[in-house]
């Protein structure tokens, strides 16, 4: 049997690789790690995977694809889950699973395997992607296997297993939280964060939750202005420098991190039914999302914007739940792309002490007409204020009829 495993080289996936190999009759294990912006976490991975029992390892740099084909389409949709979460982990999983499927087909593998727990969202995201792209592949999820859970009820048992097998890992039984990093964000959960009263933003936690950004208190005392240029809903330039999507994310992450923006601490609703607490740093994504909305406010038709906005919660849910490759997400994306055709222009934002503030926006296709909007006399005569009388009377007709039939409302009971 040949199995492709999503592999990071940490304690969990090192144990998984060895355990699956043993449990499935000395299966041939192919390790796969997606480079989506983890930084130095990939050092020494190939040697470690082979020593752990992998016959081959793929370490693929997917950062450009991640930025252009996953992050940017989601940003064009304005998707934020439950009003706070920029979906950094959620949007990475379909890309990882897609590449796993491609490798499985290239290697003629029988199955793909992952180390997502049976309590989380990632198991769903990996497996729904596989269902959409390669339904013939078997899925191996050890955390949903009672044999695995009985053998490894905690981290200490995993550490002991690695020592007995000679598996090279650096791990401690005491870990205050778990982390997941990529180009869009870094997430922290579990451990000390399982207490929702615990203040992750306390200054004493400078060394814990400041991988991509500083705490607002530690940000510069002087504000910084940043300009972003958009074409068809995509940021194509930062501070006058033309950049591809990957370059945009790197530049904005650096700028946002310096000023402590994009820090989120929330209790969210997992797809599997439970609530969980997560702390996130999304400096570049927060700036991009904010600036994108600013240029939309200038260039998008009202009804198109309101229609798209009404679908944002659904779109965000689809990403969070793992339905990236589902037909309904693709259908919504088509509507999004149509809505973005004229979203072009320049936005200026001010970054200061964790805040992102609008400091100007302009566009060659702006729908904002100062002559019409002015409180002074309209030289274009495009808007006759007398017309509002009939507009209000027509919109109030059903209210007057209802009041006549059912009686006027008693204000004291409202």
Protein backbone atom coordinates (compact mmCIF):
# COMPACT_ATOMS: atom_id res chain seq x y z
CA UNK A 1 0.00 0.00 0.00
CA UNK A 2 1.25 3.50 -0.87
CA UNK A 3 0.15 6.48 1.22
CA UNK A 4 0.75 10.22 0.87
CA UNK A 5 0.92 11.94 4.27
CA UNK A 6 0.55 15.64 5.03
CA UNK A 7 3.81 16.10 6.94
CA UNK A 8 5.29 18.98 8.92
CA UNK A 9 8.17 17.25 10.68
CA UNK A 10 6.84 18.03 14.13
CA UNK A 11 6.04 15.56 16.88
CA UNK A 12 2.52 14.71 15.70
CA UNK A 13 3.26 13.98 12.04
CA UNK A 14 6.52 12.20 12.86
CA UNK A 15 4.59 9.77 15.05
CA UNK A 16 1.86 9.50 12.42
CA UNK A 17 4.29 8.59 9.65
CA UNK A 18 5.85 5.78 11.66
CA UNK A 19 2.54 4.53 13.11
CA UNK A 20 0.71 4.43 9.78
CA UNK A 21 3.65 2.63 8.15
CA UNK A 22 3.52 -0.06 10.84
CA UNK A 23 -0.25 -0.32 11.14
CA UNK A 24 -0.87 -0.63 7.41
CA UNK A 25 1.53 -3.51 6.79
CA UNK A 26 4.80 -1.67 6.23
CA UNK A 27 3.12 0.69 3.80
CA UNK A 28 5.23 2.88 1.55
CA UNK A 29 5.01 6.39 3.00
CA UNK A 30 5.40 9.50 0.86
CA UNK A 31 5.66 12.66 2.93
CA UNK A 32 4.38 15.95 1.59
CA UNK A 33 4.94 19.39 3.01
CA UNK A 34 3.49 22.51 1.42
CA UNK A 35 5.61 25.62 1.75
CA UNK A 36 2.90 28.25 2.19
CA UNK A 37 4.92 30.68 4.27
CA UNK A 38 5.94 28.82 7.42
CA UNK A 39 9.39 30.47 7.27
CA UNK A 40 12.12 28.49 9.05
CA UNK A 41 9.89 25.55 10.01
CA UNK A 42 10.97 23.66 6.85
CA UNK A 43 14.68 23.36 7.71
CA UNK A 44 16.03 19.80 7.76
CA UNK A 45 12.67 18.33 6.80
CA UNK A 46 13.83 15.95 4.07
CA UNK A 47 16.45 14.25 6.24
CA UNK A 48 14.00 13.94 9.12
CA UNK A 49 11.25 12.43 6.95
CA UNK A 50 13.53 9.78 5.48
CA UNK A 51 14.93 8.87 8.89
CA UNK A 52 11.36 8.51 10.17
CA UNK A 53 10.49 6.03 7.42
CA UNK A 54 9.39 7.96 4.34
CA UNK A 55 10.49 6.59 0.97
CA UNK A 56 10.16 10.03 -0.61
CA UNK A 57 9.32 13.57 0.42
CA UNK A 58 7.85 16.43 -1.56
CA UNK A 59 8.49 19.96 -0.27
CA UNK A 60 6.65 22.20 -2.69
CA UNK A 61 6.74 25.98 -2.63
CA UNK A 62 3.08 26.90 -3.15
CA UNK A 63 3.25 30.48 -1.90
CA UNK A 64 2.54 32.13 -5.26
CA UNK A 65 -0.41 29.85 -5.94
CA UNK A 66 -1.66 30.36 -2.39
CA UNK A 67 -1.63 34.14 -2.78
CA UNK A 68 -3.04 34.41 -6.31
CA UNK A 69 -5.53 31.52 -6.47
CA UNK A 70 -6.75 31.29 -2.88
CA UNK A 71 -6.09 34.41 -0.77
CA UNK A 72 -6.89 36.99 -3.45
CA UNK A 73 -10.18 35.43 -4.66
CA UNK A 74 -11.32 35.23 -1.03
CA UNK A 75 -10.33 38.87 -0.47
CA UNK A 76 -12.28 39.93 -3.56
CA UNK A 77 -15.30 38.31 -1.95
CA UNK A 78 -14.75 40.24 1.30
CA UNK A 79 -15.03 36.99 3.27
CA UNK A 80 -14.58 37.19 7.05
CA UNK A 81 -15.95 34.39 9.23
CA UNK A 82 -18.25 35.52 12.05
CA UNK A 83 -17.18 39.11 11.51
CA UNK A 84 -13.64 38.63 12.84
CA UNK A 85 -11.68 35.70 11.41
CA UNK A 86 -9.77 36.28 8.16
CA UNK A 87 -9.83 32.52 7.42
CA UNK A 88 -6.06 32.07 7.33
CA UNK A 89 -5.99 28.38 8.21
CA UNK A 90 -9.26 27.60 6.44
CA UNK A 91 -8.13 28.86 3.03
CA UNK A 92 -4.79 27.02 3.19
CA UNK A 93 -6.25 23.54 3.64
CA UNK A 94 -7.87 23.11 0.20
CA UNK A 95 -4.58 24.07 -1.46
CA UNK A 96 -2.64 21.53 0.62
CA UNK A 97 -5.21 18.82 -0.04
CA UNK A 98 -5.29 19.63 -3.76
CA UNK A 99 -1.55 19.14 -4.03
CA UNK A 100 -1.75 15.92 -2.00
CA UNK A 101 -4.27 14.57 -4.49
CA UNK A 102 -1.98 15.52 -7.39
CA UNK A 103 0.98 13.75 -5.77
CA UNK A 104 -1.14 10.69 -4.98
CA UNK A 105 -2.07 10.42 -8.65
CA UNK A 106 1.51 10.98 -9.83
CA UNK A 107 2.77 8.29 -7.43
CA UNK A 108 -0.21 5.99 -8.02
CA UNK A 109 -0.89 5.98 -4.29
CA UNK A 110 -3.86 4.24 -2.70
CA UNK A 111 -4.60 6.77 0.04
CA UNK A 112 -3.85 10.13 1.56
CA UNK A 113 -3.43 10.66 5.31
CA UNK A 114 -3.58 13.65 7.61
CA UNK A 115 -3.01 14.41 11.29
CA UNK A 116 -6.10 16.52 11.92
CA UNK A 117 -7.95 15.60 15.09
CA UNK A 118 -11.50 14.31 15.21
CA UNK A 119 -12.60 17.46 17.05
CA UNK A 120 -11.43 20.07 14.59
CA UNK A 121 -12.30 21.66 11.27
CA UNK A 122 -9.21 20.60 9.33
CA UNK A 123 -10.28 16.98 8.99
CA UNK A 124 -13.38 18.17 7.17
CA UNK A 125 -11.46 20.57 4.93
CA UNK A 126 -8.93 17.95 3.84
CA UNK A 127 -11.50 15.27 3.19
CA UNK A 128 -14.10 17.42 1.45
CA UNK A 129 -11.40 18.59 -0.94
CA UNK A 130 -10.42 15.00 -1.62
CA UNK A 131 -14.07 14.07 -2.13
CA UNK A 132 -14.44 16.82 -4.72
CA UNK A 133 -11.17 16.17 -6.56
CA UNK A 134 -10.38 12.46 -6.11
CA UNK A 135 -13.25 10.44 -4.66
CA UNK A 136 -11.43 7.20 -5.47
CA UNK A 137 -8.69 7.81 -2.88
CA UNK A 138 -8.89 6.25 0.57
CA UNK A 139 -8.59 8.63 3.53
CA UNK A 140 -6.55 7.69 6.60
CA UNK A 141 -7.23 9.79 9.71
CA UNK A 142 -5.45 8.19 12.70
CA UNK A 143 -7.01 10.51 15.27
CA UNK A 144 -10.35 8.93 14.43
CA UNK A 145 -8.87 5.46 14.94
CA UNK A 146 -9.40 4.13 18.48
CA UNK A 147 -6.14 2.16 18.28
CA UNK A 148 -4.16 5.36 17.77
CA UNK A 149 -5.92 7.27 20.53
CA UNK A 150 -5.41 4.41 23.00
CA UNK A 151 -1.71 4.23 22.22
CA UNK A 152 -1.20 8.00 22.38
CA UNK A 153 -3.52 9.57 24.96
CA UNK A 154 -1.09 12.48 25.42
CA UNK A 155 2.09 14.14 24.18
CA UNK A 156 4.32 12.27 26.64
CA UNK A 157 3.40 8.93 25.04
CA UNK A 158 4.31 10.39 21.64
CA UNK A 159 7.67 11.60 22.95
CA UNK A 160 8.37 8.17 24.47
CA UNK A 161 7.43 6.49 21.18
CA UNK A 162 9.84 8.70 19.21
CA UNK A 163 12.66 7.97 21.67
CA UNK A 164 12.03 4.22 21.41
CA UNK A 165 11.95 4.34 17.60
CA UNK A 166 14.88 6.72 17.24
CA UNK A 167 12.69 9.30 15.53
CA UNK A 168 14.41 12.71 15.55
CA UNK A 169 12.04 15.25 17.09
CA UNK A 170 12.46 18.14 19.44
CA UNK A 171 9.45 18.27 21.73
CA UNK A 172 8.43 18.94 25.26
CA UNK A 173 5.49 17.54 27.16
CA UNK A 174 4.74 21.11 28.26
CA UNK A 175 3.55 23.30 25.44
CA UNK A 176 1.37 26.31 26.31
CA UNK A 177 -0.54 26.34 22.98
CA UNK A 178 -0.46 25.08 19.38
CA UNK A 179 0.40 27.23 16.35
CA UNK A 180 -0.22 27.16 12.62
CA UNK A 181 1.52 29.66 10.34
CA UNK A 182 1.27 30.56 6.68
CA UNK A 183 1.52 33.55 4.35
CA UNK A 184 -1.83 34.98 5.46
CA UNK A 185 -1.65 34.55 9.23
CA UNK A 186 -0.56 32.64 12.29
CA UNK A 187 -3.07 31.02 14.62
CA UNK A 188 -2.76 30.03 18.27
CA UNK A 189 -5.15 27.72 20.09
CA UNK A 190 -5.45 25.12 22.86
CA UNK A 191 -3.36 24.94 26.02
CA UNK A 192 -3.46 28.16 28.03
CA UNK A 193 -5.90 29.66 25.51
CA UNK A 194 -8.63 27.20 26.42
CA UNK A 195 -9.59 29.60 29.21
CA UNK A 196 -11.53 32.36 27.38
CA UNK A 197 -10.81 34.76 30.27
CA UNK A 198 -7.06 34.49 29.69
CA UNK A 199 -5.73 37.75 28.22
CA UNK A 200 -3.53 36.90 25.25
CA UNK A 201 -2.91 40.60 24.65
CA UNK A 202 -1.38 41.25 28.05
CA UNK A 203 2.06 42.84 27.79
CA UNK A 204 3.59 39.94 29.69
CA UNK A 205 2.71 37.75 26.66
CA UNK A 206 5.04 39.60 24.28
CA UNK A 207 6.98 36.39 23.68
CA UNK A 208 3.89 34.25 23.12
CA UNK A 209 1.61 35.86 20.56
CA UNK A 210 3.79 38.25 18.59
CA UNK A 211 5.21 36.18 15.74
CA UNK A 212 3.96 38.37 12.89
CA UNK A 213 3.02 41.56 14.72
CA UNK A 214 3.83 43.58 17.82
CA UNK A 215 1.32 44.37 20.52
CA UNK A 216 -0.31 47.77 19.87
CA UNK A 217 1.41 49.17 22.97
CA UNK A 218 4.78 48.31 21.41
CA UNK A 219 3.98 49.80 17.99
CA UNK A 220 5.63 53.06 16.86
CA UNK A 221 4.27 56.30 18.30
CA UNK A 222 4.15 57.81 14.82
CA UNK A 223 1.49 56.84 12.27
CA UNK A 224 2.49 55.49 8.86
CA UNK A 225 0.62 56.03 5.59
CA UNK A 226 0.34 53.26 3.01
CA UNK A 227 -1.13 53.47 -0.50
CA UNK A 228 -2.62 50.48 -2.27
CA UNK A 229 -3.58 50.42 -5.93
CA UNK A 230 -6.37 48.12 -7.16
CA UNK A 231 -7.37 46.65 -10.51
CA UNK A 232 -10.45 44.42 -10.84
CA UNK A 233 -10.55 44.04 -7.05
CA UNK A 234 -6.91 42.97 -6.76
CA UNK A 235 -4.18 44.96 -5.07
CA UNK A 236 -1.43 45.39 -7.69
CA UNK A 237 0.78 48.00 -6.05
CA UNK A 238 1.90 49.00 -2.54
CA UNK A 239 3.38 52.46 -1.99
CA UNK A 240 3.81 52.89 -5.73
CA UNK A 241 5.66 49.61 -6.27
CA UNK A 242 4.07 47.10 -8.63
CA UNK A 243 3.82 43.69 -6.97
CA UNK A 244 2.31 40.28 -7.68
CA UNK A 245 -0.10 38.81 -5.06
CA UNK A 246 2.73 37.14 -3.16
CA UNK A 247 4.69 40.37 -3.09
CA UNK A 248 1.63 42.28 -1.89
CA UNK A 249 1.11 39.89 1.01
CA UNK A 250 4.76 40.03 2.06
CA UNK A 251 4.87 43.82 1.91
CA UNK A 252 1.61 44.30 3.82
CA UNK A 253 2.55 41.70 6.44
CA UNK A 254 5.72 43.65 7.19
CA UNK A 255 3.92 47.00 7.35
CA UNK A 256 0.99 45.70 9.37
CA UNK A 257 3.14 43.71 11.75
CA UNK A 258 5.21 46.79 12.54
CA UNK A 259 2.07 48.66 13.66
CA UNK A 260 0.32 45.78 15.45
CA UNK A 261 -2.70 45.58 13.14
CA UNK A 262 -4.77 42.51 12.37
CA UNK A 263 -4.68 40.96 15.84
CA UNK A 264 -7.84 38.99 16.67
CA UNK A 265 -8.88 37.10 19.80
CA UNK A 266 -12.21 35.34 19.38
CA UNK A 267 -14.43 32.45 20.36
CA UNK A 268 -15.66 30.88 17.14
CA UNK A 269 -18.12 28.18 16.15
CA UNK A 270 -16.46 25.13 14.66
CA UNK A 271 -18.20 23.20 11.90
CA UNK A 272 -18.25 20.04 14.03
CA UNK A 273 -20.46 21.79 16.60
CA UNK A 274 -18.29 23.03 19.44
CA UNK A 275 -17.02 26.50 20.27
CA UNK A 276 -13.28 27.11 20.35
CA UNK A 277 -11.05 30.04 21.25
CA UNK A 278 -8.44 31.22 18.80
CA UNK A 279 -5.90 34.04 18.69
CA UNK A 280 -4.81 35.23 15.27
CA UNK A 281 -2.27 37.57 13.72
CA UNK A 282 -3.25 38.63 10.19
CA UNK A 283 -1.43 41.93 9.60
CA UNK A 284 -1.33 41.99 5.79
CA UNK A 285 -4.74 40.44 5.33
CA UNK A 286 -6.35 43.00 7.63
CA UNK A 287 -4.90 45.91 5.65
CA UNK A 288 -5.85 44.35 2.32
CA UNK A 289 -9.41 43.64 3.43
CA UNK A 290 -9.89 47.15 4.79
CA UNK A 291 -8.44 48.90 1.75
CA UNK A 292 -10.42 46.70 -0.63
CA UNK A 293 -13.64 47.74 1.06
CA UNK A 294 -12.66 51.38 0.75
CA UNK A 295 -12.17 51.22 -3.01
CA UNK A 296 -15.40 49.23 -3.38
CA UNK A 297 -17.28 51.98 -1.56
CA UNK A 298 -16.23 54.36 -4.32
CA UNK A 299 -16.69 52.15 -7.37
CA UNK A 300 -19.38 49.50 -6.78
CA UNK A 301 -23.04 49.96 -7.63
CA UNK A 302 -25.17 50.02 -4.49
CA UNK A 303 -27.40 47.06 -5.34
CA UNK A 304 -24.46 44.96 -6.54
CA UNK A 305 -22.63 45.71 -3.30
CA UNK A 306 -25.62 44.91 -1.13
CA UNK A 307 -26.26 41.66 -3.00
CA UNK A 308 -22.62 40.60 -2.68
CA UNK A 309 -22.59 41.65 0.98
CA UNK A 310 -25.66 39.54 1.70
CA UNK A 311 -23.71 36.51 0.46
CA UNK A 312 -20.50 37.16 2.43
CA UNK A 313 -21.57 35.13 5.50
CA UNK A 314 -22.38 32.16 3.26
CA UNK A 315 -19.14 32.47 1.30
CA UNK A 316 -17.13 32.71 4.53
CA UNK A 317 -18.92 29.65 5.91
CA UNK A 318 -18.10 27.67 2.78
CA UNK A 319 -14.41 28.49 3.16
CA UNK A 320 -14.41 27.81 6.91
CA UNK A 321 -16.30 24.53 6.54
CA UNK A 322 -14.07 23.24 3.73
CA UNK A 323 -16.29 23.60 0.66
CA UNK A 324 -13.76 25.53 -1.45
CA UNK A 325 -14.14 23.18 -4.41
CA UNK A 326 -17.91 22.79 -4.03
CA UNK A 327 -20.15 23.99 -6.89
CA UNK A 328 -21.90 26.54 -4.68
CA UNK A 329 -18.61 28.28 -3.80
CA UNK A 330 -17.64 28.35 -7.48
CA UNK A 331 -21.04 29.83 -8.34
CA UNK A 332 -20.64 32.54 -5.69
CA UNK A 333 -17.14 33.24 -6.97
CA UNK A 334 -18.52 33.88 -10.44
CA UNK A 335 -20.82 36.53 -8.99
CA UNK A 336 -17.91 38.02 -7.05
CA UNK A 337 -15.77 38.29 -10.19
CA UNK A 338 -18.58 40.08 -12.02
CA UNK A 339 -18.90 42.53 -9.13
CA UNK A 340 -15.18 43.35 -9.20
CA UNK A 341 -14.79 44.39 -12.83
CA UNK A 342 -14.77 48.11 -12.02
CA UNK A 343 -13.17 47.94 -8.57
CA UNK A 344 -10.09 49.98 -9.47
CA UNK A 345 -8.25 52.93 -8.01
CA UNK A 346 -6.02 53.95 -5.13
CA UNK A 347 -6.60 53.80 -1.38
CA UNK A 348 -4.53 55.49 1.29
CA UNK A 349 -4.65 54.10 4.81
CA UNK A 350 -3.06 55.20 8.06
CA UNK A 351 -1.61 52.58 10.41
CA UNK A 352 -1.30 53.49 14.06
CA UNK A 353 -1.15 51.49 17.29
CA UNK A 354 -3.12 48.48 16.04
CA UNK A 355 -5.59 50.56 14.02
CA UNK A 356 -6.21 50.87 10.28
CA UNK A 357 -7.79 54.17 9.29
CA UNK A 358 -9.03 55.46 5.94
CA UNK A 359 -6.99 58.42 4.74
CA UNK A 360 -8.25 58.82 1.18
CA UNK A 361 -9.48 56.99 -1.86
CA UNK A 362 -9.70 57.87 -5.57
CA UNK A 363 -10.63 56.11 -8.78
CA UNK A 364 -10.91 56.85 -12.51
CA UNK A 365 -14.23 54.96 -12.45
CA UNK A 366 -15.59 56.47 -9.25
CA UNK A 367 -19.37 56.53 -8.92
CA UNK A 368 -19.11 59.29 -6.36
CA UNK A 369 -20.13 62.64 -7.84
CA UNK A 370 -19.39 65.57 -5.53
CA UNK A 371 -21.68 67.84 -7.56
CA UNK A 372 -24.66 65.54 -6.88
CA UNK A 373 -23.76 64.81 -3.26
CA UNK A 374 -23.00 68.40 -2.32
CA UNK A 375 -25.17 70.22 0.19
CA UNK A 376 -24.67 73.32 -1.92
CA UNK A 377 -26.43 74.10 -5.19
CA UNK A 378 -26.03 71.33 -7.78
CA UNK A 379 -24.58 72.89 -10.94
CA UNK A 380 -25.30 69.74 -12.98
CA UNK A 381 -29.01 69.73 -12.10
CA UNK A 382 -28.72 65.93 -11.92
CA UNK A 383 -30.74 65.72 -8.71
CA UNK A 384 -33.94 67.64 -8.10
CA UNK A 385 -34.76 67.66 -4.40
CA UNK A 386 -38.44 68.08 -5.22
CA UNK A 387 -38.39 64.51 -6.61
CA UNK A 388 -37.81 63.14 -3.10
CA UNK A 389 -41.37 64.05 -2.14
CA UNK A 390 -42.88 61.49 -4.49
CA UNK A 391 -40.15 58.97 -3.65
CA UNK A 392 -40.98 59.15 0.07
CA UNK A 393 -44.75 59.10 -0.52
CA UNK A 394 -44.51 55.94 -2.64
CA UNK A 395 -42.27 54.20 -0.10
CA UNK A 396 -44.62 55.20 2.71
CA UNK A 397 -47.77 54.01 0.93
CA UNK A 398 -47.84 50.50 2.40
CA UNK A 399 -47.11 51.89 5.88
CA UNK A 400 -50.05 54.29 5.67
CA UNK A 401 -52.36 51.55 4.37
CA UNK A 402 -51.27 49.17 7.15
CA UNK A 403 -51.79 51.85 9.78
CA UNK A 404 -55.24 52.67 8.43
CA UNK A 405 -56.35 49.02 8.43
CA UNK A 406 -54.69 47.80 11.62
CA UNK A 407 -54.58 51.00 13.63
CA UNK A 408 -51.78 53.41 14.34
CA UNK A 409 -48.96 52.19 16.56
CA UNK A 410 -49.08 53.19 20.19
CA UNK A 411 -45.68 54.78 20.75
CA UNK A 412 -45.75 53.97 24.46
CA UNK A 413 -45.70 50.21 23.66
CA UNK A 414 -42.83 50.36 21.20
